[in-house]
Amino acid sequence: MGRVTIITGEIDAGKTTELIRLYSELPAGTADGFASIKAFSKQGAFEGYDLKRLATGTTAPFIRLSKDDEVPPQQESFGFDRFTFLREPLAATEDVIRDIISDPAIRTILLDEIGPVELQGNGFCSALKSLLESEKDLYLCINRKNLDPVAKKFGIVTYRLVVVEDQTFLSQ
C-alpha cells in the first residue's frame, strides 16, 4: 500500500473541491482518478452526481435521485438511500482504475465518495480494494461519520488526514 491521504468533513463541506484542488497541484501526468460532481437540471434542481475523470475531464451520469414512482431495473442500477446508482459507469470506472494502477507513470490515484455503499460491498468496494493493494499513493474522500468504519473494513491503519470544514481546508 502506498501513502493514503483521507479528505474528510461533513456533507457539503467541500471535500470534492479539496480533492480537485490537490489533484491540480500534483505534477502533470502523474495522477488520475475520479470525483463525484453534483448534477443539476436545466432549471437548477439537484438531480444527483456525475462521475468526472480527473485526467481527461470527461463526465458520465453516475448517481441520480430516486423517483418515488420508479423502481430501478436491477441489471442497470441499484438503489441506496434516496439515490439510484448506475452500474455501467461503476463498471467502466473499475476498468479504468485497473488501467491506472498498471500505468507506471501514474503515482497517485484520487477517488471521491467512499462510504456506506462501499461498506455494504457495492459501489467502489472492489476498486478500492485493488487500489489499497497497489503501491500507488491514494487520496480518498470519506464523510466524517464513515471514516472509522471505512478505515476498519478496508484495513487502512496509517493515513494522513485532511479535515475540510465549510470550504476552509485544515491539514492535520
N, C-alpha and C. Protein backbone atom coordinates (compact mmCIF):
# COMPACT_ATOMS: atom_id res chain seq x y z
N MET A 1 0.85 -1.18 0.00
CA MET A 1 0.00 0.00 0.00
C MET A 1 0.89 1.24 0.00
N GLY A 2 0.58 2.18 -0.90
CA GLY A 2 1.27 3.46 -0.90
C GLY A 2 0.77 4.34 0.24
N ARG A 3 1.12 5.59 0.20
CA ARG A 3 0.63 6.54 1.22
C ARG A 3 -0.85 6.83 0.96
N VAL A 4 -1.60 6.91 2.05
CA VAL A 4 -3.03 7.19 1.95
C VAL A 4 -3.31 8.52 2.63
N THR A 5 -3.99 9.40 1.89
CA THR A 5 -4.48 10.66 2.44
C THR A 5 -5.99 10.62 2.38
N ILE A 6 -6.62 10.86 3.52
CA ILE A 6 -8.08 10.87 3.57
C ILE A 6 -8.55 12.30 3.77
N ILE A 7 -9.43 12.73 2.88
CA ILE A 7 -10.06 14.05 2.97
C ILE A 7 -11.42 13.80 3.60
N THR A 8 -11.67 14.44 4.74
CA THR A 8 -12.91 14.18 5.46
C THR A 8 -13.58 15.48 5.88
N GLY A 9 -14.84 15.38 6.18
CA GLY A 9 -15.65 16.51 6.61
C GLY A 9 -17.11 16.12 6.53
N GLU A 10 -17.96 17.05 6.83
CA GLU A 10 -19.40 16.79 6.78
C GLU A 10 -19.90 16.89 5.34
N ILE A 11 -21.18 16.61 5.15
CA ILE A 11 -21.81 16.75 3.83
C ILE A 11 -21.70 18.21 3.40
N ASP A 12 -21.32 18.43 2.15
CA ASP A 12 -21.22 19.75 1.54
C ASP A 12 -20.17 20.66 2.18
N ALA A 13 -19.20 20.09 2.86
CA ALA A 13 -18.14 20.92 3.47
C ALA A 13 -17.09 21.34 2.44
N GLY A 14 -16.99 20.61 1.33
CA GLY A 14 -16.00 20.94 0.31
C GLY A 14 -14.95 19.87 0.07
N LYS A 15 -15.27 18.63 0.40
CA LYS A 15 -14.30 17.54 0.23
C LYS A 15 -13.93 17.35 -1.24
N THR A 16 -14.91 17.34 -2.11
CA THR A 16 -14.64 17.16 -3.54
C THR A 16 -13.83 18.34 -4.08
N THR A 17 -14.16 19.54 -3.67
CA THR A 17 -13.40 20.73 -4.09
C THR A 17 -11.95 20.59 -3.66
N GLU A 18 -11.72 20.13 -2.45
CA GLU A 18 -10.35 19.93 -1.96
C GLU A 18 -9.64 18.83 -2.73
N LEU A 19 -10.34 17.75 -3.06
CA LEU A 19 -9.76 16.66 -3.85
C LEU A 19 -9.29 17.20 -5.21
N ILE A 20 -10.12 17.98 -5.86
CA ILE A 20 -9.77 18.54 -7.17
C ILE A 20 -8.62 19.52 -7.04
N ARG A 21 -8.61 20.31 -5.98
CA ARG A 21 -7.50 21.26 -5.75
C ARG A 21 -6.19 20.50 -5.55
N LEU A 22 -6.21 19.46 -4.75
CA LEU A 22 -5.00 18.68 -4.51
C LEU A 22 -4.53 18.01 -5.81
N TYR A 23 -5.47 17.51 -6.60
CA TYR A 23 -5.12 16.92 -7.90
C TYR A 23 -4.40 17.95 -8.77
N SER A 24 -4.89 19.18 -8.79
CA SER A 24 -4.31 20.22 -9.65
C SER A 24 -2.89 20.59 -9.22
N GLU A 25 -2.52 20.29 -7.99
CA GLU A 25 -1.18 20.60 -7.50
C GLU A 25 -0.17 19.48 -7.77
N LEU A 26 -0.64 18.32 -8.19
CA LEU A 26 0.26 17.20 -8.48
C LEU A 26 0.89 17.40 -9.85
N PRO A 27 2.12 16.90 -10.05
CA PRO A 27 2.78 17.05 -11.35
C PRO A 27 1.93 16.44 -12.47
N ALA A 28 1.83 17.15 -13.58
CA ALA A 28 1.02 16.71 -14.73
C ALA A 28 1.48 15.32 -15.18
N GLY A 29 0.49 14.46 -15.46
CA GLY A 29 0.78 13.13 -15.97
C GLY A 29 1.13 12.10 -14.92
N THR A 30 1.11 12.50 -13.63
CA THR A 30 1.47 11.55 -12.57
C THR A 30 0.29 11.14 -11.71
N ALA A 31 -0.89 11.68 -12.00
CA ALA A 31 -2.06 11.39 -11.16
C ALA A 31 -3.31 11.25 -12.03
N ASP A 32 -4.27 10.52 -11.51
CA ASP A 32 -5.56 10.36 -12.17
C ASP A 32 -6.55 9.89 -11.12
N GLY A 33 -7.80 9.89 -11.47
CA GLY A 33 -8.82 9.44 -10.53
C GLY A 33 -10.18 9.98 -10.91
N PHE A 34 -11.10 9.90 -9.94
CA PHE A 34 -12.48 10.26 -10.20
C PHE A 34 -13.06 11.10 -9.07
N ALA A 35 -13.87 12.08 -9.45
CA ALA A 35 -14.60 12.91 -8.49
C ALA A 35 -16.08 12.81 -8.80
N SER A 36 -16.90 12.86 -7.76
CA SER A 36 -18.35 12.87 -7.91
C SER A 36 -18.80 14.33 -7.89
N ILE A 37 -19.31 14.79 -9.04
CA ILE A 37 -19.68 16.19 -9.22
C ILE A 37 -21.21 16.31 -9.21
N LYS A 38 -21.72 17.26 -8.43
CA LYS A 38 -23.17 17.45 -8.37
C LYS A 38 -23.73 17.77 -9.76
N ALA A 39 -24.87 17.15 -10.05
CA ALA A 39 -25.56 17.36 -11.32
C ALA A 39 -26.88 18.07 -11.05
N PHE A 40 -27.19 19.03 -11.91
CA PHE A 40 -28.40 19.83 -11.77
C PHE A 40 -29.20 19.81 -13.06
N SER A 41 -30.52 19.93 -12.95
CA SER A 41 -31.38 20.03 -14.12
C SER A 41 -31.19 21.40 -14.77
N LYS A 42 -31.76 21.58 -15.93
CA LYS A 42 -31.69 22.89 -16.61
C LYS A 42 -32.37 23.98 -15.78
N GLN A 43 -33.29 23.56 -14.91
CA GLN A 43 -33.98 24.52 -14.05
C GLN A 43 -33.21 24.78 -12.75
N GLY A 44 -32.10 24.09 -12.56
CA GLY A 44 -31.26 24.32 -11.39
C GLY A 44 -31.54 23.41 -10.21
N ALA A 45 -32.40 22.40 -10.40
CA ALA A 45 -32.71 21.47 -9.31
C ALA A 45 -31.64 20.38 -9.23
N PHE A 46 -31.23 20.03 -8.02
CA PHE A 46 -30.26 18.96 -7.80
C PHE A 46 -30.84 17.64 -8.28
N GLU A 47 -30.08 16.92 -9.14
CA GLU A 47 -30.55 15.64 -9.68
C GLU A 47 -29.73 14.45 -9.21
N GLY A 48 -28.50 14.70 -8.74
CA GLY A 48 -27.63 13.60 -8.34
C GLY A 48 -26.18 13.97 -8.58
N TYR A 49 -25.41 12.98 -9.05
CA TYR A 49 -23.97 13.19 -9.26
C TYR A 49 -23.52 12.59 -10.57
N ASP A 50 -22.57 13.27 -11.19
CA ASP A 50 -21.86 12.74 -12.35
C ASP A 50 -20.48 12.33 -11.89
N LEU A 51 -19.90 11.38 -12.58
CA LEU A 51 -18.55 10.92 -12.28
C LEU A 51 -17.60 11.58 -13.26
N LYS A 52 -16.61 12.30 -12.74
CA LYS A 52 -15.67 13.03 -13.58
C LYS A 52 -14.28 12.41 -13.46
N ARG A 53 -13.71 12.02 -14.61
CA ARG A 53 -12.34 11.53 -14.61
C ARG A 53 -11.42 12.75 -14.58
N LEU A 54 -10.55 12.80 -13.61
CA LEU A 54 -9.75 14.00 -13.38
C LEU A 54 -8.74 14.26 -14.50
N ALA A 55 -8.12 13.24 -15.04
CA ALA A 55 -7.07 13.45 -16.06
C ALA A 55 -7.64 13.90 -17.40
N THR A 56 -8.86 13.52 -17.70
CA THR A 56 -9.43 13.85 -19.01
C THR A 56 -10.54 14.89 -18.94
N GLY A 57 -11.16 15.04 -17.77
CA GLY A 57 -12.28 15.97 -17.63
C GLY A 57 -13.60 15.41 -18.13
N THR A 58 -13.61 14.17 -18.62
CA THR A 58 -14.85 13.58 -19.12
C THR A 58 -15.77 13.24 -17.95
N THR A 59 -17.07 13.38 -18.20
CA THR A 59 -18.05 13.07 -17.16
C THR A 59 -19.09 12.09 -17.69
N ALA A 60 -19.70 11.36 -16.76
CA ALA A 60 -20.78 10.44 -17.10
C ALA A 60 -21.79 10.47 -15.96
N PRO A 61 -23.08 10.35 -16.28
CA PRO A 61 -24.08 10.23 -15.22
C PRO A 61 -23.73 9.04 -14.33
N PHE A 62 -23.91 9.21 -13.02
CA PHE A 62 -23.45 8.19 -12.08
C PHE A 62 -24.51 7.85 -11.03
N ILE A 63 -24.97 8.85 -10.31
CA ILE A 63 -25.96 8.64 -9.25
C ILE A 63 -27.10 9.63 -9.49
N ARG A 64 -28.31 9.17 -9.38
CA ARG A 64 -29.45 10.04 -9.55
C ARG A 64 -30.40 9.88 -8.36
N LEU A 65 -31.10 10.97 -8.05
CA LEU A 65 -32.14 10.89 -7.04
C LEU A 65 -33.18 9.88 -7.50
N SER A 66 -33.59 9.01 -6.61
CA SER A 66 -34.63 8.04 -6.95
C SER A 66 -35.96 8.76 -7.01
N LYS A 67 -36.75 8.38 -7.98
CA LYS A 67 -38.10 8.94 -8.08
C LYS A 67 -39.05 7.99 -7.36
N ASP A 68 -39.96 8.55 -6.58
CA ASP A 68 -40.86 7.75 -5.75
C ASP A 68 -41.64 6.72 -6.56
N ASP A 69 -42.01 7.07 -7.79
CA ASP A 69 -42.87 6.18 -8.56
C ASP A 69 -42.08 5.24 -9.48
N GLU A 70 -40.76 5.24 -9.40
CA GLU A 70 -39.96 4.39 -10.27
C GLU A 70 -39.20 3.34 -9.45
N VAL A 71 -39.17 2.14 -10.00
CA VAL A 71 -38.33 1.08 -9.42
C VAL A 71 -37.21 0.85 -10.43
N PRO A 72 -35.94 1.08 -10.03
CA PRO A 72 -34.85 0.92 -10.99
C PRO A 72 -34.69 -0.53 -11.42
N PRO A 73 -34.45 -0.76 -12.72
CA PRO A 73 -34.20 -2.14 -13.17
C PRO A 73 -32.90 -2.65 -12.55
N GLN A 74 -32.93 -3.81 -11.93
CA GLN A 74 -31.80 -4.31 -11.16
C GLN A 74 -30.54 -4.53 -11.99
N GLN A 75 -30.66 -4.89 -13.25
CA GLN A 75 -29.48 -5.14 -14.07
C GLN A 75 -28.70 -3.84 -14.33
N GLU A 76 -29.38 -2.73 -14.41
CA GLU A 76 -28.77 -1.48 -14.82
C GLU A 76 -28.42 -0.56 -13.66
N SER A 77 -28.99 -0.81 -12.48
CA SER A 77 -28.77 0.10 -11.36
C SER A 77 -29.12 -0.59 -10.05
N PHE A 78 -28.79 0.09 -8.96
CA PHE A 78 -29.22 -0.37 -7.65
C PHE A 78 -29.54 0.85 -6.80
N GLY A 79 -30.44 0.68 -5.87
CA GLY A 79 -30.85 1.77 -5.02
C GLY A 79 -30.11 1.76 -3.69
N PHE A 80 -29.85 2.93 -3.17
CA PHE A 80 -29.29 3.10 -1.83
C PHE A 80 -29.79 4.42 -1.29
N ASP A 81 -30.44 4.38 -0.14
CA ASP A 81 -30.99 5.56 0.48
C ASP A 81 -31.94 6.23 -0.52
N ARG A 82 -31.72 7.48 -0.83
CA ARG A 82 -32.62 8.18 -1.76
C ARG A 82 -32.06 8.24 -3.18
N PHE A 83 -31.02 7.44 -3.45
CA PHE A 83 -30.33 7.50 -4.73
C PHE A 83 -30.41 6.19 -5.50
N THR A 84 -30.28 6.32 -6.83
CA THR A 84 -30.12 5.20 -7.73
C THR A 84 -28.71 5.28 -8.31
N PHE A 85 -27.94 4.22 -8.15
CA PHE A 85 -26.57 4.15 -8.67
C PHE A 85 -26.60 3.40 -9.99
N LEU A 86 -26.01 3.98 -11.01
CA LEU A 86 -25.97 3.35 -12.33
C LEU A 86 -24.79 2.40 -12.40
N ARG A 87 -25.05 1.15 -12.75
CA ARG A 87 -24.00 0.12 -12.75
C ARG A 87 -22.97 0.31 -13.88
N GLU A 88 -23.40 0.78 -15.03
CA GLU A 88 -22.48 0.89 -16.17
C GLU A 88 -21.31 1.83 -15.87
N PRO A 89 -21.54 3.04 -15.34
CA PRO A 89 -20.39 3.90 -15.02
C PRO A 89 -19.50 3.30 -13.93
N LEU A 90 -20.08 2.58 -12.98
CA LEU A 90 -19.28 1.92 -11.95
C LEU A 90 -18.35 0.88 -12.57
N ALA A 91 -18.90 0.05 -13.46
CA ALA A 91 -18.08 -0.98 -14.10
C ALA A 91 -16.99 -0.35 -14.97
N ALA A 92 -17.35 0.69 -15.71
CA ALA A 92 -16.36 1.37 -16.56
C ALA A 92 -15.26 2.00 -15.70
N THR A 93 -15.65 2.57 -14.57
CA THR A 93 -14.67 3.18 -13.67
C THR A 93 -13.72 2.13 -13.11
N GLU A 94 -14.24 0.98 -12.75
CA GLU A 94 -13.37 -0.09 -12.25
C GLU A 94 -12.37 -0.52 -13.32
N ASP A 95 -12.81 -0.60 -14.58
CA ASP A 95 -11.89 -0.94 -15.67
C ASP A 95 -10.78 0.11 -15.80
N VAL A 96 -11.17 1.38 -15.75
CA VAL A 96 -10.19 2.47 -15.86
C VAL A 96 -9.23 2.44 -14.67
N ILE A 97 -9.75 2.18 -13.49
CA ILE A 97 -8.87 2.13 -12.31
C ILE A 97 -7.85 1.01 -12.45
N ARG A 98 -8.25 -0.13 -12.98
CA ARG A 98 -7.28 -1.21 -13.23
C ARG A 98 -6.19 -0.73 -14.19
N ASP A 99 -6.60 -0.01 -15.24
CA ASP A 99 -5.61 0.53 -16.20
C ASP A 99 -4.70 1.54 -15.52
N ILE A 100 -5.26 2.40 -14.68
CA ILE A 100 -4.47 3.41 -13.99
C ILE A 100 -3.45 2.74 -13.05
N ILE A 101 -3.88 1.71 -12.34
CA ILE A 101 -2.98 1.00 -11.44
C ILE A 101 -1.79 0.43 -12.21
N SER A 102 -2.03 -0.06 -13.41
CA SER A 102 -0.94 -0.68 -14.18
C SER A 102 -0.08 0.33 -14.93
N ASP A 103 -0.46 1.60 -14.93
CA ASP A 103 0.30 2.64 -15.63
C ASP A 103 1.45 3.11 -14.74
N PRO A 104 2.71 2.84 -15.14
CA PRO A 104 3.84 3.22 -14.29
C PRO A 104 4.02 4.74 -14.14
N ALA A 105 3.47 5.52 -15.05
CA ALA A 105 3.60 6.98 -14.97
C ALA A 105 2.71 7.56 -13.87
N ILE A 106 1.60 6.87 -13.58
CA ILE A 106 0.66 7.36 -12.56
C ILE A 106 1.14 6.89 -11.19
N ARG A 107 1.45 7.85 -10.34
CA ARG A 107 1.92 7.54 -8.98
C ARG A 107 0.84 7.79 -7.93
N THR A 108 -0.16 8.61 -8.28
CA THR A 108 -1.19 8.99 -7.31
C THR A 108 -2.57 8.81 -7.93
N ILE A 109 -3.47 8.20 -7.15
CA ILE A 109 -4.84 7.98 -7.61
C ILE A 109 -5.79 8.60 -6.59
N LEU A 110 -6.78 9.33 -7.09
CA LEU A 110 -7.74 10.02 -6.24
C LEU A 110 -9.13 9.44 -6.47
N LEU A 111 -9.88 9.22 -5.39
CA LEU A 111 -11.21 8.64 -5.51
C LEU A 111 -12.14 9.31 -4.51
N ASP A 112 -13.24 9.81 -5.01
CA ASP A 112 -14.21 10.59 -4.24
C ASP A 112 -15.34 9.69 -3.74
N GLU A 113 -15.90 10.05 -2.58
CA GLU A 113 -17.14 9.48 -2.06
C GLU A 113 -17.05 7.99 -1.72
N ILE A 114 -16.19 7.64 -0.81
CA ILE A 114 -16.16 6.29 -0.26
C ILE A 114 -16.99 6.32 1.03
N GLY A 115 -17.94 5.40 1.15
CA GLY A 115 -18.80 5.46 2.32
C GLY A 115 -19.68 4.25 2.51
N PRO A 116 -20.95 4.48 2.87
CA PRO A 116 -21.83 3.37 3.24
C PRO A 116 -22.09 2.39 2.11
N VAL A 117 -22.06 2.84 0.87
CA VAL A 117 -22.28 1.92 -0.26
C VAL A 117 -21.13 0.92 -0.32
N GLU A 118 -19.90 1.40 -0.14
CA GLU A 118 -18.73 0.52 -0.15
C GLU A 118 -18.70 -0.37 1.09
N LEU A 119 -19.18 0.15 2.22
CA LEU A 119 -19.25 -0.66 3.43
C LEU A 119 -20.16 -1.87 3.25
N GLN A 120 -21.14 -1.75 2.34
CA GLN A 120 -22.05 -2.86 2.04
C GLN A 120 -21.53 -3.74 0.91
N GLY A 121 -20.33 -3.43 0.40
CA GLY A 121 -19.75 -4.25 -0.67
C GLY A 121 -20.11 -3.82 -2.07
N ASN A 122 -20.74 -2.68 -2.22
CA ASN A 122 -21.13 -2.17 -3.54
C ASN A 122 -20.28 -0.97 -3.94
N GLY A 123 -20.71 -0.27 -4.96
CA GLY A 123 -20.01 0.94 -5.39
C GLY A 123 -18.57 0.67 -5.77
N PHE A 124 -17.66 1.45 -5.18
CA PHE A 124 -16.24 1.34 -5.49
C PHE A 124 -15.52 0.33 -4.60
N CYS A 125 -16.24 -0.57 -3.94
CA CYS A 125 -15.64 -1.51 -2.99
C CYS A 125 -14.50 -2.31 -3.63
N SER A 126 -14.77 -2.93 -4.75
CA SER A 126 -13.75 -3.75 -5.42
C SER A 126 -12.58 -2.89 -5.89
N ALA A 127 -12.88 -1.74 -6.47
CA ALA A 127 -11.82 -0.84 -6.95
C ALA A 127 -10.96 -0.36 -5.78
N LEU A 128 -11.60 -0.04 -4.66
CA LEU A 128 -10.85 0.43 -3.50
C LEU A 128 -9.91 -0.65 -2.98
N LYS A 129 -10.37 -1.89 -2.93
CA LYS A 129 -9.51 -2.98 -2.51
C LYS A 129 -8.29 -3.10 -3.42
N SER A 130 -8.50 -3.01 -4.73
CA SER A 130 -7.39 -3.07 -5.67
C SER A 130 -6.42 -1.91 -5.48
N LEU A 131 -6.97 -0.73 -5.25
CA LEU A 131 -6.12 0.45 -5.04
C LEU A 131 -5.28 0.28 -3.78
N LEU A 132 -5.87 -0.23 -2.72
CA LEU A 132 -5.14 -0.39 -1.47
C LEU A 132 -4.07 -1.48 -1.57
N GLU A 133 -4.27 -2.44 -2.46
CA GLU A 133 -3.27 -3.48 -2.68
C GLU A 133 -2.12 -2.99 -3.56
N SER A 134 -2.33 -1.90 -4.26
CA SER A 134 -1.30 -1.37 -5.16
C SER A 134 -0.29 -0.56 -4.35
N GLU A 135 0.76 -0.15 -5.02
CA GLU A 135 1.78 0.69 -4.39
C GLU A 135 1.54 2.18 -4.66
N LYS A 136 0.42 2.50 -5.27
CA LYS A 136 0.11 3.89 -5.61
C LYS A 136 -0.26 4.68 -4.35
N ASP A 137 0.06 5.97 -4.36
CA ASP A 137 -0.41 6.87 -3.31
C ASP A 137 -1.89 7.16 -3.59
N LEU A 138 -2.70 7.23 -2.53
CA LEU A 138 -4.14 7.41 -2.68
C LEU A 138 -4.63 8.64 -1.94
N TYR A 139 -5.58 9.32 -2.55
CA TYR A 139 -6.36 10.37 -1.90
C TYR A 139 -7.80 9.89 -1.95
N LEU A 140 -8.44 9.78 -0.79
CA LEU A 140 -9.81 9.30 -0.70
C LEU A 140 -10.67 10.32 0.03
N CYS A 141 -11.87 10.59 -0.49
CA CYS A 141 -12.83 11.43 0.22
C CYS A 141 -13.79 10.52 0.98
N ILE A 142 -13.89 10.76 2.29
CA ILE A 142 -14.76 9.96 3.15
C ILE A 142 -15.46 10.90 4.12
N ASN A 143 -16.78 10.86 4.16
CA ASN A 143 -17.53 11.66 5.11
C ASN A 143 -17.08 11.31 6.53
N ARG A 144 -17.02 12.30 7.38
CA ARG A 144 -16.52 12.14 8.75
C ARG A 144 -17.18 10.97 9.49
N LYS A 145 -18.51 10.82 9.35
CA LYS A 145 -19.20 9.75 10.09
C LYS A 145 -18.84 8.36 9.58
N ASN A 146 -18.31 8.27 8.36
CA ASN A 146 -17.95 6.97 7.78
C ASN A 146 -16.46 6.67 7.90
N LEU A 147 -15.68 7.62 8.40
CA LEU A 147 -14.23 7.47 8.42
C LEU A 147 -13.77 6.22 9.16
N ASP A 148 -14.17 6.06 10.41
CA ASP A 148 -13.72 4.90 11.19
C ASP A 148 -14.23 3.57 10.62
N PRO A 149 -15.51 3.46 10.25
CA PRO A 149 -15.96 2.19 9.68
C PRO A 149 -15.24 1.83 8.37
N VAL A 150 -14.99 2.81 7.51
CA VAL A 150 -14.29 2.55 6.25
C VAL A 150 -12.85 2.13 6.53
N ALA A 151 -12.17 2.87 7.41
CA ALA A 151 -10.78 2.53 7.73
C ALA A 151 -10.70 1.11 8.29
N LYS A 152 -11.63 0.75 9.14
CA LYS A 152 -11.63 -0.59 9.74
C LYS A 152 -11.91 -1.66 8.69
N LYS A 153 -12.97 -1.49 7.89
CA LYS A 153 -13.35 -2.50 6.90
C LYS A 153 -12.23 -2.75 5.89
N PHE A 154 -11.56 -1.68 5.46
CA PHE A 154 -10.57 -1.83 4.40
C PHE A 154 -9.13 -1.90 4.92
N GLY A 155 -8.96 -1.97 6.23
CA GLY A 155 -7.64 -2.13 6.81
C GLY A 155 -6.72 -0.94 6.62
N ILE A 156 -7.29 0.26 6.60
CA ILE A 156 -6.49 1.47 6.46
C ILE A 156 -6.08 1.92 7.84
N VAL A 157 -4.85 1.61 8.22
CA VAL A 157 -4.39 1.88 9.58
C VAL A 157 -3.62 3.20 9.65
N THR A 158 -2.76 3.43 8.69
CA THR A 158 -1.93 4.63 8.68
C THR A 158 -2.37 5.53 7.53
N TYR A 159 -2.70 6.77 7.85
CA TYR A 159 -3.10 7.72 6.80
C TYR A 159 -2.90 9.14 7.30
N ARG A 160 -2.76 10.04 6.34
CA ARG A 160 -2.74 11.48 6.61
C ARG A 160 -4.18 11.95 6.50
N LEU A 161 -4.60 12.80 7.41
CA LEU A 161 -5.98 13.27 7.43
C LEU A 161 -6.04 14.75 7.06
N VAL A 162 -6.88 15.07 6.10
CA VAL A 162 -7.15 16.46 5.73
C VAL A 162 -8.62 16.71 6.09
N VAL A 163 -8.84 17.61 7.04
CA VAL A 163 -10.19 17.91 7.50
C VAL A 163 -10.70 19.16 6.78
N VAL A 164 -11.85 19.04 6.16
CA VAL A 164 -12.46 20.14 5.43
C VAL A 164 -13.68 20.60 6.23
N GLU A 165 -13.70 21.88 6.55
CA GLU A 165 -14.83 22.43 7.30
C GLU A 165 -15.32 23.69 6.62
N ASP A 166 -16.54 23.62 6.08
CA ASP A 166 -17.19 24.78 5.46
C ASP A 166 -16.27 25.52 4.48
N GLN A 167 -15.69 24.76 3.54
CA GLN A 167 -14.83 25.31 2.50
C GLN A 167 -13.52 25.89 3.04
N THR A 168 -13.23 25.67 4.31
CA THR A 168 -11.95 26.08 4.89
C THR A 168 -11.16 24.80 5.09
N PHE A 169 -10.00 24.71 4.46
CA PHE A 169 -9.25 23.46 4.44
C PHE A 169 -8.18 23.48 5.51
N LEU A 170 -8.25 22.52 6.42
CA LEU A 170 -7.29 22.40 7.51
C LEU A 170 -6.57 21.07 7.39
N SER A 171 -5.26 21.07 7.42
CA SER A 171 -4.49 19.82 7.43
C SER A 171 -4.18 19.43 8.85
N GLN A 172 -4.30 18.15 9.14
CA GLN A 172 -3.94 17.64 10.46
C GLN A 172 -2.77 16.71 10.33
